[in-house]
Protein backbone atom coordinates (compact mmCIF):
# COMPACT_ATOMS: atom_id res chain seq x y z
CA UNK A 1 102.29 40.90 46.87
CA UNK A 2 102.15 43.71 49.42
CA UNK A 3 105.40 45.29 48.22
CA UNK A 4 104.29 45.06 44.60
CA UNK A 5 100.95 46.75 45.28
CA UNK A 6 102.49 49.48 47.44
CA UNK A 7 105.19 50.21 44.87
CA UNK A 8 102.73 50.37 41.96
CA UNK A 9 100.30 52.66 43.81
CA UNK A 10 103.18 54.87 45.01
CA UNK A 11 104.42 55.29 41.44
CA UNK A 12 100.90 56.02 40.17
CA UNK A 13 100.60 58.70 42.87
CA UNK A 14 103.88 60.28 41.78
CA UNK A 15 102.79 60.34 38.15
CA UNK A 16 99.37 61.77 39.08
CA UNK A 17 101.03 64.55 41.09
CA UNK A 18 103.42 65.23 38.20
CA UNK A 19 100.76 65.42 35.49
CA UNK A 20 97.63 66.62 37.34
CA UNK A 21 98.76 67.84 40.76
CA UNK A 22 96.46 65.35 42.53
CA UNK A 23 96.70 61.98 44.23
CA UNK A 24 95.94 59.08 41.89
CA UNK A 25 92.97 57.93 44.00
CA UNK A 26 91.28 61.33 43.63
CA UNK A 27 91.39 61.29 39.79
CA UNK A 28 88.37 60.27 37.74
CA UNK A 29 88.24 56.80 36.23
CA UNK A 30 89.35 57.99 32.80
CA UNK A 31 92.53 59.66 34.02
CA UNK A 32 93.26 56.71 36.31
CA UNK A 33 92.96 54.32 33.36
CA UNK A 34 95.24 56.59 31.26
CA UNK A 35 98.00 56.61 33.88
CA UNK A 36 97.58 52.90 34.46
CA UNK A 37 97.90 52.18 30.73
CA UNK A 38 101.08 54.28 30.59
CA UNK A 39 102.57 52.56 33.62
CA UNK A 40 101.87 48.96 32.66
CA UNK A 41 104.31 48.52 29.70
CA UNK A 42 107.00 50.51 31.51
CA UNK A 43 106.59 48.39 34.62
CA UNK A 44 106.51 45.01 32.90
CA UNK A 45 109.44 45.71 30.57
CA UNK A 46 112.60 43.86 31.59
CA UNK A 47 115.26 46.56 32.03
CA UNK A 48 117.81 44.27 33.70
CA UNK A 49 121.18 43.98 31.95
CA UNK A 50 122.69 40.58 32.79
CA UNK A 51 126.06 41.60 31.38
CA UNK A 52 126.52 44.37 33.95
CA UNK A 53 124.08 43.15 36.61
CA UNK A 54 122.32 46.53 36.46
CA UNK A 55 118.61 47.28 36.60
CA UNK A 56 117.63 50.67 35.23
CA UNK A 57 114.44 52.29 36.59
CA UNK A 58 112.72 55.62 36.07
CA UNK A 59 112.97 58.48 38.57
CA UNK A 60 109.36 57.92 39.67
CA UNK A 61 109.96 54.24 40.31
CA UNK A 62 113.17 54.97 42.21
CA UNK A 63 111.24 57.33 44.49
CA UNK A 64 108.46 54.74 44.90
CA UNK A 65 111.01 52.04 45.82
CA UNK A 66 112.57 54.35 48.40
CA UNK A 67 109.18 55.15 49.94
CA UNK A 68 108.12 51.49 50.14
CA UNK A 69 111.49 50.47 51.57
CA UNK A 70 111.09 53.11 54.30
CA UNK A 71 107.70 51.61 55.17
CA UNK A 72 109.16 48.13 55.64
CA UNK A 73 112.14 49.41 57.61
CA UNK A 74 109.63 51.07 59.95
CA UNK A 75 107.42 47.95 60.06
CA UNK A 76 110.20 45.51 61.00
CA UNK A 77 111.61 47.93 63.58
CA UNK A 78 109.89 49.60 66.54
CA UNK A 79 108.59 52.77 64.88
CA UNK A 80 105.32 53.87 66.52
CA UNK A 81 103.96 54.94 63.14
CA UNK A 82 103.53 51.28 62.12
CA UNK A 83 102.68 49.87 65.58
CA UNK A 84 99.04 49.19 64.71
CA UNK A 85 100.02 47.46 61.48
CA UNK A 86 102.52 45.31 63.36
CA UNK A 87 99.76 44.20 65.71
CA UNK A 88 97.52 43.42 62.73
CA UNK A 89 100.31 41.29 61.24
CA UNK A 90 101.03 39.70 64.67
CA UNK A 91 104.61 41.03 64.53
CA UNK A 92 106.45 41.93 67.69
CA UNK A 93 108.36 45.21 67.93
CA UNK A 94 111.87 45.05 66.52
CA UNK A 95 111.19 41.86 64.61
CA UNK A 96 114.53 42.49 62.90
CA UNK A 97 116.71 44.28 65.40
CA UNK A 98 119.70 45.25 63.23
CA UNK A 99 119.00 48.28 60.95
CA UNK A 100 121.42 46.93 58.35
CA UNK A 101 119.47 43.65 58.21
CA UNK A 102 116.24 45.58 57.77
CA UNK A 103 117.75 47.43 54.83
CA UNK A 104 118.92 44.14 53.28
CA UNK A 105 115.44 42.69 53.80
CA UNK A 106 113.91 45.45 51.70
CA UNK A 107 116.30 44.52 48.90
CA UNK A 108 115.05 40.93 49.03
CA UNK A 109 111.43 42.10 48.94
CA UNK A 110 112.15 44.38 46.00
CA UNK A 111 113.70 41.69 43.81
CA UNK A 112 110.94 39.20 44.63
CA UNK A 113 108.34 41.82 43.62
CA UNK A 114 110.36 42.67 40.50
CA UNK A 115 110.21 39.02 39.36
CA UNK A 116 106.47 39.01 40.03
CA UNK A 117 105.84 42.11 37.90
CA UNK A 118 108.33 41.79 35.02
CA UNK A 119 107.68 39.93 31.78
CA UNK A 120 110.00 37.14 30.75
CA UNK A 121 112.00 37.83 27.60
CA UNK A 122 109.78 37.31 24.56
CA UNK A 123 106.70 36.36 26.59
CA UNK A 124 103.66 38.19 27.95
CA UNK A 125 103.79 36.76 31.47
CA UNK A 126 105.96 37.40 34.48
CA UNK A 127 108.57 35.09 35.97
CA UNK A 128 105.96 34.03 38.53
CA UNK A 129 103.30 33.31 35.88
CA UNK A 130 101.48 36.59 36.64
CA UNK A 131 101.17 35.86 40.34
CA UNK A 132 100.23 37.61 42.58
CA UNK A 133 97.07 39.14 41.18
CA UNK A 134 97.67 42.84 40.55
CA UNK A 135 95.28 44.38 37.98
CA UNK A 136 97.06 47.76 38.07
CA UNK A 137 99.88 46.26 35.94
CA UNK A 138 97.91 43.46 34.27
CA UNK A 139 98.87 40.62 36.59
CA UNK A 140 96.02 38.16 36.05
CA UNK A 141 95.86 34.40 35.41
CA UNK A 142 97.12 33.52 31.95
CA UNK A 143 94.96 31.77 29.36
CA UNK A 144 97.11 28.65 29.73
CA UNK A 145 96.36 28.62 33.46
CA UNK A 146 92.62 28.45 32.72
CA UNK A 147 93.16 25.83 30.02
CA UNK A 148 95.17 23.46 32.20
CA UNK A 149 92.92 24.01 35.19
CA UNK A 150 89.95 22.75 33.20
CA UNK A 151 91.99 19.90 31.75
CA UNK A 152 93.21 18.87 35.23
CA UNK A 153 89.62 18.62 36.49
CA UNK A 154 88.65 16.43 33.53
CA UNK A 155 91.82 14.37 34.05
CA UNK A 156 90.89 13.87 37.72
CA UNK A 157 87.36 12.75 36.83
CA UNK A 158 88.80 10.32 34.26
CA UNK A 159 91.23 8.96 36.84
CA UNK A 160 88.51 8.36 39.40
CA UNK A 161 86.34 6.77 36.71
CA UNK A 162 89.15 4.45 35.62
CA UNK A 163 89.81 3.44 39.22
CA UNK A 164 86.11 2.77 39.77
CA UNK A 165 85.98 0.67 36.59
CA UNK A 166 89.00 -1.35 37.72
CA UNK A 167 87.43 -1.94 41.12
CA UNK A 168 84.07 -2.97 39.64
CA UNK A 169 85.61 -5.34 37.08
CA UNK A 170 88.31 -7.04 39.09
CA UNK A 171 87.19 -6.83 42.72
CA UNK A 172 85.81 -10.14 43.99
CA UNK A 173 86.94 -12.16 40.95
CA UNK A 174 89.15 -14.25 43.19
CA UNK A 175 87.42 -16.09 46.05
CA UNK A 176 88.35 -14.71 49.47
CA UNK A 177 90.42 -17.01 51.67
CA UNK A 178 88.74 -18.68 54.59
CA UNK A 179 89.87 -16.79 57.72
CA UNK A 180 91.38 -18.85 60.56
CA UNK A 181 89.28 -19.75 63.58
CA UNK A 182 91.67 -18.01 65.99
CA UNK A 183 93.66 -14.79 65.75
CA UNK A 184 97.06 -15.66 64.19
CA UNK A 185 98.67 -12.68 65.92
CA UNK A 186 97.37 -13.56 69.38
CA UNK A 187 100.46 -15.63 70.08
CA UNK A 188 102.89 -12.92 68.99
CA UNK A 189 105.40 -12.26 71.76
CA UNK A 190 106.93 -8.79 71.58
CA UNK A 191 110.72 -8.84 71.57
CA UNK A 192 112.74 -6.45 73.76
CA UNK A 193 113.23 -4.03 70.83
CA UNK A 194 109.51 -4.11 70.03
CA UNK A 195 108.69 -3.23 73.62
CA UNK A 196 111.28 -0.43 73.47
CA UNK A 197 109.28 1.30 70.71
CA UNK A 198 106.47 2.13 73.18
CA UNK A 199 108.17 5.39 74.16
CA UNK A 200 108.17 6.46 70.49
CA UNK A 201 104.38 6.34 70.46
CA UNK A 202 104.21 8.31 73.70
CA UNK A 203 106.48 10.87 72.03
CA UNK A 204 104.13 10.95 69.02
CA UNK A 205 101.24 11.75 71.36
CA UNK A 206 103.27 14.49 73.10
CA UNK A 207 104.30 16.06 69.77
CA UNK A 208 100.73 15.89 68.48
CA UNK A 209 99.29 17.59 71.59
CA UNK A 210 102.04 20.22 71.47
CA UNK A 211 101.18 20.90 67.85
CA UNK A 212 97.54 21.45 68.80
CA UNK A 213 98.57 23.84 71.60
CA UNK A 214 100.86 25.82 69.31
CA UNK A 215 98.10 25.90 66.70
CA UNK A 216 95.81 27.46 69.30
CA UNK A 217 98.44 30.11 70.10
CA UNK A 218 99.00 30.80 66.38
CA UNK A 219 95.28 31.09 65.63
CA UNK A 220 94.70 33.36 68.64
CA UNK A 221 97.32 35.80 67.37
CA UNK A 222 94.87 36.53 64.53
CA UNK A 223 92.56 38.02 67.20
CA UNK A 224 94.81 39.86 69.65
CA UNK A 225 97.87 40.37 67.48
CA UNK A 226 100.68 40.10 69.99
CA UNK A 227 98.83 38.96 73.12
CA UNK A 228 97.31 35.75 74.40
CA UNK A 229 94.30 36.73 76.54
CA UNK A 230 96.10 39.86 77.70
CA UNK A 231 99.51 38.20 78.20
CA UNK A 232 102.25 39.68 76.01
CA UNK A 233 103.22 36.25 74.71
CA UNK A 234 104.83 37.53 71.50
CA UNK A 235 107.78 38.85 73.50
CA UNK A 236 108.73 35.22 74.17
CA UNK A 237 106.85 33.21 71.52
CA UNK A 238 106.14 35.45 68.50
CA UNK A 239 103.72 34.41 65.79
CA UNK A 240 106.43 33.47 63.28
CA UNK A 241 107.93 31.05 65.82
CA UNK A 242 104.70 29.36 66.93
CA UNK A 243 103.69 28.89 63.31
CA UNK A 244 107.11 27.42 62.42
CA UNK A 245 106.92 25.00 65.33
CA UNK A 246 103.30 24.14 64.54
CA UNK A 247 104.00 23.16 60.92
CA UNK A 248 107.31 21.44 61.74
CA UNK A 249 105.67 19.33 64.46
CA UNK A 250 103.23 17.94 61.90
CA UNK A 251 106.16 16.49 59.95
CA UNK A 252 107.91 15.27 63.09
CA UNK A 253 105.06 13.40 64.75
CA UNK A 254 103.97 11.77 61.49
CA UNK A 255 107.54 10.71 60.76
CA UNK A 256 108.09 9.47 64.33
CA UNK A 257 104.92 7.37 64.18
CA UNK A 258 105.99 5.59 61.03
CA UNK A 259 109.58 5.19 62.17
CA UNK A 260 108.30 3.51 65.33
CA UNK A 261 105.99 1.31 63.25
CA UNK A 262 108.95 0.18 61.15
CA UNK A 263 111.01 -0.66 64.21
CA UNK A 264 108.10 -2.64 65.68
CA UNK A 265 106.96 -4.44 62.55
CA UNK A 266 110.46 -5.58 61.47
CA UNK A 267 110.99 -8.23 64.20
CA UNK A 268 107.26 -9.04 64.14
CA UNK A 269 107.47 -9.98 60.45
CA UNK A 270 110.69 -11.96 60.56
CA UNK A 271 110.40 -13.39 64.06
CA UNK A 272 114.07 -12.44 64.46
CA UNK A 273 115.57 -10.12 67.08
CA UNK A 274 119.01 -8.99 65.85
CA UNK A 275 121.78 -8.54 68.38
CA UNK A 276 121.80 -5.11 70.06
CA UNK A 277 118.50 -4.22 68.34
CA UNK A 278 117.00 -2.88 71.56
CA UNK A 279 120.10 -0.75 72.19
CA UNK A 280 119.81 0.63 68.66
CA UNK A 281 116.13 1.49 69.17
CA UNK A 282 116.93 3.29 72.44
CA UNK A 283 119.91 5.11 70.92
CA UNK A 284 117.79 6.31 68.01
CA UNK A 285 115.13 7.57 70.42
CA UNK A 286 117.69 9.64 72.33
CA UNK A 287 118.97 11.07 69.04
CA UNK A 288 115.41 11.96 68.06
CA UNK A 289 114.88 13.83 71.33
CA UNK A 290 118.14 15.74 70.83
CA UNK A 291 117.09 16.70 67.28
CA UNK A 292 113.64 17.92 68.36
CA UNK A 293 114.87 19.93 71.35
CA UNK A 294 117.99 21.23 69.59
CA UNK A 295 116.23 22.21 66.37
CA UNK A 296 113.40 23.99 68.17
CA UNK A 297 115.81 25.80 70.48
CA UNK A 298 117.81 26.90 67.44
CA UNK A 299 114.68 28.25 65.79
CA UNK A 300 113.81 30.21 68.92
CA UNK A 301 117.27 31.84 69.00
CA UNK A 302 117.02 32.56 65.26
CA UNK A 303 113.58 34.19 65.37
CA UNK A 304 114.58 36.21 68.42
CA UNK A 305 117.59 37.50 66.42
CA UNK A 306 120.15 36.02 68.84
CA UNK A 307 122.12 33.72 66.51
CA UNK A 308 123.56 35.93 63.80
CA UNK A 309 123.67 35.16 60.09
CA UNK A 310 126.77 32.98 60.32
CA UNK A 311 125.10 30.40 62.56
CA UNK A 312 121.46 30.79 61.56
CA UNK A 313 121.54 28.54 58.48
CA UNK A 314 123.33 25.73 60.30
CA UNK A 315 121.69 25.78 63.72
CA UNK A 316 118.72 28.15 63.52
CA UNK A 317 115.94 28.72 61.00
CA UNK A 318 116.35 28.22 57.24
CA UNK A 319 113.07 29.99 56.53
CA UNK A 320 111.59 27.25 54.34
CA UNK A 321 108.22 26.02 55.57
CA UNK A 322 108.22 22.36 56.68
CA UNK A 323 112.00 22.08 56.22
CA UNK A 324 112.98 25.12 58.25
CA UNK A 325 115.22 23.47 60.87
CA UNK A 326 118.93 24.30 60.70
CA UNK A 327 121.14 22.34 58.31
CA UNK A 328 123.07 20.67 61.18
CA UNK A 329 119.80 19.26 62.52
CA UNK A 330 118.79 18.17 59.02
CA UNK A 331 122.06 16.26 58.67
CA UNK A 332 121.58 14.76 62.13
CA UNK A 333 118.07 13.62 61.17
CA UNK A 334 119.31 12.14 57.88
CA UNK A 335 121.97 10.14 59.72
CA UNK A 336 119.24 9.03 62.15
CA UNK A 337 117.14 7.84 59.21
CA UNK A 338 120.10 5.81 57.94
CA UNK A 339 120.41 4.20 61.37
CA UNK A 340 116.65 3.50 61.30
CA UNK A 341 116.98 1.93 57.85
CA UNK A 342 119.79 -0.28 59.12
CA UNK A 343 117.77 -1.36 62.17
CA UNK A 344 114.64 -2.15 60.14
CA UNK A 345 116.59 -3.78 57.31
CA UNK A 346 118.53 -6.20 59.50
CA UNK A 347 115.33 -7.10 61.38
CA UNK A 348 113.56 -7.82 58.07
CA UNK A 349 116.48 -9.66 56.49
CA UNK A 350 115.44 -13.23 57.45
CA UNK A 351 111.96 -12.55 56.01
CA UNK A 352 113.49 -11.06 52.84
CA UNK A 353 115.57 -14.18 52.21
CA UNK A 354 112.66 -16.60 52.71
CA UNK A 355 110.74 -17.75 49.65
CA UNK A 356 107.05 -17.86 50.50
CA UNK A 357 103.86 -15.96 49.70
CA UNK A 358 104.98 -13.14 51.98
CA UNK A 359 108.36 -12.51 50.35
CA UNK A 360 107.07 -10.12 47.66
CA UNK A 361 105.12 -7.91 50.02
CA UNK A 362 108.00 -7.89 52.53
CA UNK A 363 110.26 -6.81 49.68
CA UNK A 364 107.92 -3.94 48.83
CA UNK A 365 107.80 -2.96 52.49
CA UNK A 366 111.60 -2.88 52.63
CA UNK A 367 111.80 -0.81 49.43
CA UNK A 368 109.44 1.74 50.97
CA UNK A 369 111.72 1.98 54.03
CA UNK A 370 114.69 2.56 51.71
CA UNK A 371 112.77 5.36 49.96
CA UNK A 372 111.84 6.92 53.31
CA UNK A 373 115.44 6.83 54.49
CA UNK A 374 117.09 8.12 51.32
CA UNK A 375 114.61 10.65 49.96
CA UNK A 376 114.88 12.91 52.99
CA UNK A 377 118.31 13.64 51.53
CA UNK A 378 116.57 15.85 48.94
CA UNK A 379 116.37 18.41 51.74
CA UNK A 380 120.17 18.64 51.71
CA UNK A 381 120.44 19.54 48.02
CA UNK A 382 120.51 23.32 48.50
CA UNK A 383 122.90 25.63 50.25
CA UNK A 384 122.68 28.90 52.12
CA UNK A 385 122.84 31.00 48.94
CA UNK A 386 121.09 28.73 46.41
CA UNK A 387 118.57 30.28 44.01
CA UNK A 388 115.01 30.40 45.34
CA UNK A 389 113.75 28.46 42.32
CA UNK A 390 116.15 25.57 42.96
CA UNK A 391 115.36 25.47 46.67
CA UNK A 392 111.64 25.33 45.92
CA UNK A 393 112.24 22.39 43.59
CA UNK A 394 114.10 20.29 46.19
CA UNK A 395 111.99 21.43 49.14
CA UNK A 396 108.86 19.95 47.66
CA UNK A 397 110.61 16.65 47.11
CA UNK A 398 110.72 16.42 50.89
CA UNK A 399 107.24 17.73 51.65
CA UNK A 400 105.35 16.26 48.70
CA UNK A 401 107.14 12.96 48.12
CA UNK A 402 108.74 12.08 51.45
CA UNK A 403 105.86 12.98 53.78
CA UNK A 404 102.88 12.62 51.44
CA UNK A 405 104.17 9.87 49.12
CA UNK A 406 106.52 7.27 50.51
CA UNK A 407 104.93 7.16 53.95
CA UNK A 408 101.62 6.35 52.26
CA UNK A 409 103.22 3.46 50.35
CA UNK A 410 104.79 2.23 53.59
CA UNK A 411 101.40 2.38 55.32
CA UNK A 412 99.68 0.39 52.55
CA UNK A 413 102.45 -2.24 52.65
CA UNK A 414 102.18 -2.63 56.45
CA UNK A 415 98.37 -2.89 56.41
CA UNK A 416 98.45 -5.38 53.53
CA UNK A 417 101.01 -7.51 55.36
CA UNK A 418 98.81 -7.57 58.46
CA UNK A 419 95.78 -8.66 56.42
CA UNK A 420 97.80 -11.48 54.86
CA UNK A 421 99.15 -12.49 58.25
CA UNK A 422 95.61 -12.56 59.63
CA UNK A 423 94.53 -14.80 56.76
CA UNK A 424 92.08 -12.26 55.37
CA UNK A 425 93.87 -11.66 52.04
CA UNK A 426 96.06 -13.89 49.87
CA UNK A 427 99.71 -12.91 49.53
CA UNK A 428 99.55 -12.51 45.75
CA UNK A 429 96.44 -10.34 46.01
CA UNK A 430 98.05 -8.14 48.68
CA UNK A 431 101.20 -7.73 46.59
CA UNK A 432 99.16 -6.68 43.55
CA UNK A 433 97.18 -4.23 45.68
CA UNK A 434 100.35 -2.65 47.09
CA UNK A 435 101.83 -2.29 43.60
CA UNK A 436 98.61 -0.80 42.29
CA UNK A 437 98.35 1.64 45.21
CA UNK A 438 101.99 2.64 44.74
CA UNK A 439 101.39 3.38 41.06
CA UNK A 440 98.32 5.47 41.90
CA UNK A 441 100.07 7.39 44.70
CA UNK A 442 103.27 8.01 42.77
CA UNK A 443 101.60 8.83 39.43
CA UNK A 444 99.98 11.86 41.00
CA UNK A 445 102.71 12.51 43.53
CA UNK A 446 105.91 12.66 41.47
CA UNK A 447 104.85 14.83 38.53
CA UNK A 448 102.19 16.46 40.68
CA UNK A 449 105.01 18.03 42.70
CA UNK A 450 105.42 20.53 39.87
CA UNK A 451 102.22 22.35 40.81
CA UNK A 452 104.15 23.76 43.77
CA UNK A 453 106.59 25.35 41.30
CA UNK A 454 103.94 27.60 39.73
CA UNK A 455 105.65 30.73 41.09
CA UNK A 456 109.27 29.58 40.69
CA UNK A 457 109.96 30.69 37.12
CA UNK A 458 108.83 27.44 35.47
CA UNK A 459 107.58 27.16 31.90
CA UNK A 460 104.00 26.47 30.81
CA UNK A 461 104.84 22.81 30.15
CA UNK A 462 105.99 22.25 33.72
CA UNK A 463 102.93 24.05 35.09
CA UNK A 464 100.68 21.92 32.85
CA UNK A 465 102.24 18.68 34.09
CA UNK A 466 101.97 19.82 37.69
CA UNK A 467 98.34 20.90 37.33
CA UNK A 468 97.27 17.72 35.57
CA UNK A 469 99.02 15.17 37.75
CA UNK A 470 98.41 16.98 41.02
CA UNK A 471 94.70 16.65 40.25
CA UNK A 472 95.29 12.89 40.23
CA UNK A 473 96.20 13.15 43.91
CA UNK A 474 92.47 13.09 44.57
CA UNK A 475 92.29 9.63 43.00
CA UNK A 476 94.07 7.91 45.94
CA UNK A 477 91.31 9.28 48.19
CA UNK A 478 88.86 7.19 46.22
CA UNK A 479 91.25 4.25 46.56
CA UNK A 480 91.44 4.84 50.30
CA UNK A 481 87.64 4.83 50.45
CA UNK A 482 87.55 1.48 48.69
CA UNK A 483 90.25 0.11 50.98
CA UNK A 484 88.33 1.38 54.01
CA UNK A 485 85.28 -0.55 52.84
CA UNK A 486 87.42 -3.65 52.36
CA UNK A 487 88.90 -3.22 55.83
CA UNK A 488 85.42 -2.92 57.31
CA UNK A 489 84.36 -6.04 55.39
CA UNK A 490 87.35 -7.96 56.73
CA UNK A 491 86.45 -6.91 60.26
CA UNK A 492 83.19 -8.86 59.85
CA UNK A 493 84.82 -11.93 58.35
CA UNK A 494 85.36 -13.80 61.62
CA UNK A 495 84.27 -13.34 65.26
CA UNK A 496 87.76 -12.66 66.66
CA UNK A 497 88.14 -9.61 64.37
């Protein structure tokens, strides 16, 4: 957005100097509108020749590109002329140390801005659906964007209404079971592997507190730029690094909490402690520590420009928010998830093979663990030089479906199992509730992922699906509210609750 605006204003200045001998900003509104109207079709016309891989630009635009590139080379270096701007952006001096890398970076910025300001062939909208907003060249939300925004809101209201109707009609039709006099879980004896999961929860707490601390550092950079209460912290922990760690820790502590829950609940459900289960839990914990420390160390070396391009993708910083750890650490984590799936699956196996009222809900719980284990693999579907559009597609599979989707289904299955085990809900009712919640979560979650692809060159149809179904993601909040009320009601069902 910044490159696009700077390039457009630079070219308008050049044209104003050429035609009127003045800066564009000093012209009256009429002359400004005239130059703007002349620039817009020239700017939005696609002059790229795919046969030769050549983009042809006017002399004025070539000069504007050169001027803007010089600005960014200065900004990412240690030029005193842009020192104040660096502090405003919370960028340390020499953010990119190698001059050749700075030059390559300007090329990346240029092509990204070109896609944002150039019409698709045969259409009156850019490859990024007219984003970012730039009125100087007519970049404004399309009519279809307004249409599907309104439709998505109506779709959301209809979804909440349908859920409310379902709750009003069917809730309470079946008489609630009589809760037991004593707590059925009071006699549960933790197995050695269940006890071994305690350190996972301590790690969750440590990661959560660290995330809060890094969030404080990141937020404070908005005030002092490169300092933390007078300490030049950006020399060691620059803004881009603290923000990367802050967002990555959110994924890690949430994932660790649910992984630990799976390892604990497996033997608790089946009453079976597989051989070497405790050793597997401890081994997985050590691997998790290695991944966290190794991945974060790699990101530090990458941001501080100490790794080099050859090693950065594999061991450093991929640059994709939420999935920015190096590919080696991603593979390590995926293997760890497969080990976790094996540990949970073999602990659950006796319960899966039993035929009772719990078998269906245990099966759903196991399927959710399979989804958690396998769907992280979507983060391995791109390479170092894959198109940005394809990376965005797979990246949101991890963020939107893995973190925000399957973990929610797993949580509902675990809570429902506990309610059945406590005698507060019938097994058939719990199974139906889990299936219903899964449908609600996934209906909005799967197709709703497309709303993240708004800027990735997608068509209007994909944007419409994403807008409509992402609005349905609000519906599970209503479901959660209803479930919270049910949970509160269950807590009053018997004195031991």
